[in-house]
Amino acid sequence: MDKTVKTSRMISRRRAGQAIIEFVVVMGVLLATLAMITLFLSVQREHGDRVLRLVASEYP
């Protein structure tokens, strides 16, 4: 009986450790995705500003 209690405790600790690792991996992926979206939006905004300056220029 004592052995089964130890085994169940070890399994629950492994599951808790696995959940923490999964959480960290998912959080990393979400932060990387957020960074890529932010970079994409800033590049698009700069490009739009460049186009507006070219359109508004009074070059003959």
Protein backbone atom coordinates (compact mmCIF):
# COMPACT_ATOMS: atom_id res chain seq x y z
CA MET A 1 0.00 0.00 0.00
CA ASP A 2 2.82 2.39 0.83
CA LYS A 3 4.36 1.75 -2.58
CA THR A 4 1.16 2.67 -4.42
CA VAL A 5 0.87 5.93 -2.49
CA LYS A 6 4.44 6.86 -3.44
CA THR A 7 3.79 5.92 -7.06
CA SER A 8 0.63 8.03 -7.23
CA ARG A 9 2.49 10.99 -5.69
CA MET A 10 5.26 10.64 -8.26
CA ILE A 11 2.73 10.53 -11.09
CA SER A 12 0.94 13.62 -9.80
CA ARG A 13 4.26 15.49 -9.52
CA ARG A 14 5.16 14.50 -13.07
CA ARG A 15 1.80 15.73 -14.31
CA ALA A 16 2.23 19.00 -12.44
CA GLY A 17 5.71 19.39 -13.92
CA GLN A 18 4.39 18.60 -17.38
CA ALA A 19 1.64 21.20 -16.98
CA ILE A 20 4.19 23.85 -16.00
CA ILE A 21 6.37 22.99 -19.00
CA GLU A 22 3.37 23.13 -21.34
CA PHE A 23 2.35 26.48 -19.86
CA VAL A 24 5.85 27.91 -20.37
CA VAL A 25 6.00 26.65 -23.96
CA VAL A 26 2.56 28.05 -24.83
CA MET A 27 3.41 31.38 -23.17
CA GLY A 28 6.63 31.57 -25.18
CA VAL A 29 4.80 30.87 -28.42
CA LEU A 30 2.18 33.51 -27.61
CA LEU A 31 4.82 36.12 -26.79
CA ALA A 32 6.72 35.32 -29.99
CA THR A 33 3.51 35.65 -32.01
CA LEU A 34 2.73 38.97 -30.34
CA ALA A 35 6.24 40.23 -31.12
CA MET A 36 5.92 39.22 -34.79
CA ILE A 37 2.52 40.90 -35.12
CA THR A 38 3.88 44.07 -33.51
CA LEU A 39 6.87 44.08 -35.85
CA PHE A 40 4.63 43.51 -38.88
CA LEU A 41 2.30 46.36 -37.92
CA SER A 42 5.16 48.79 -37.32
CA VAL A 43 6.72 47.93 -40.71
CA GLN A 44 3.37 48.40 -42.44
CA ARG A 45 2.85 51.75 -40.73
CA GLU A 46 6.30 52.96 -41.82
CA HIS A 47 5.60 51.83 -45.37
CA GLY A 48 2.26 53.65 -45.36
CA ASP A 49 3.91 56.84 -44.11
CA ARG A 50 6.51 56.57 -46.88
CA VAL A 51 3.81 56.18 -49.53
CA LEU A 52 1.87 59.16 -48.18
CA ARG A 53 4.98 61.34 -48.26
CA LEU A 54 5.63 60.34 -51.88
CA VAL A 55 2.05 61.07 -52.89
CA ALA A 56 2.05 64.41 -51.06
CA SER A 57 5.39 65.55 -52.47
CA GLU A 58 5.32 68.29 -55.05
CA TYR A 59 7.82 66.70 -57.33
CA PRO A 60 6.96 67.56 -60.95
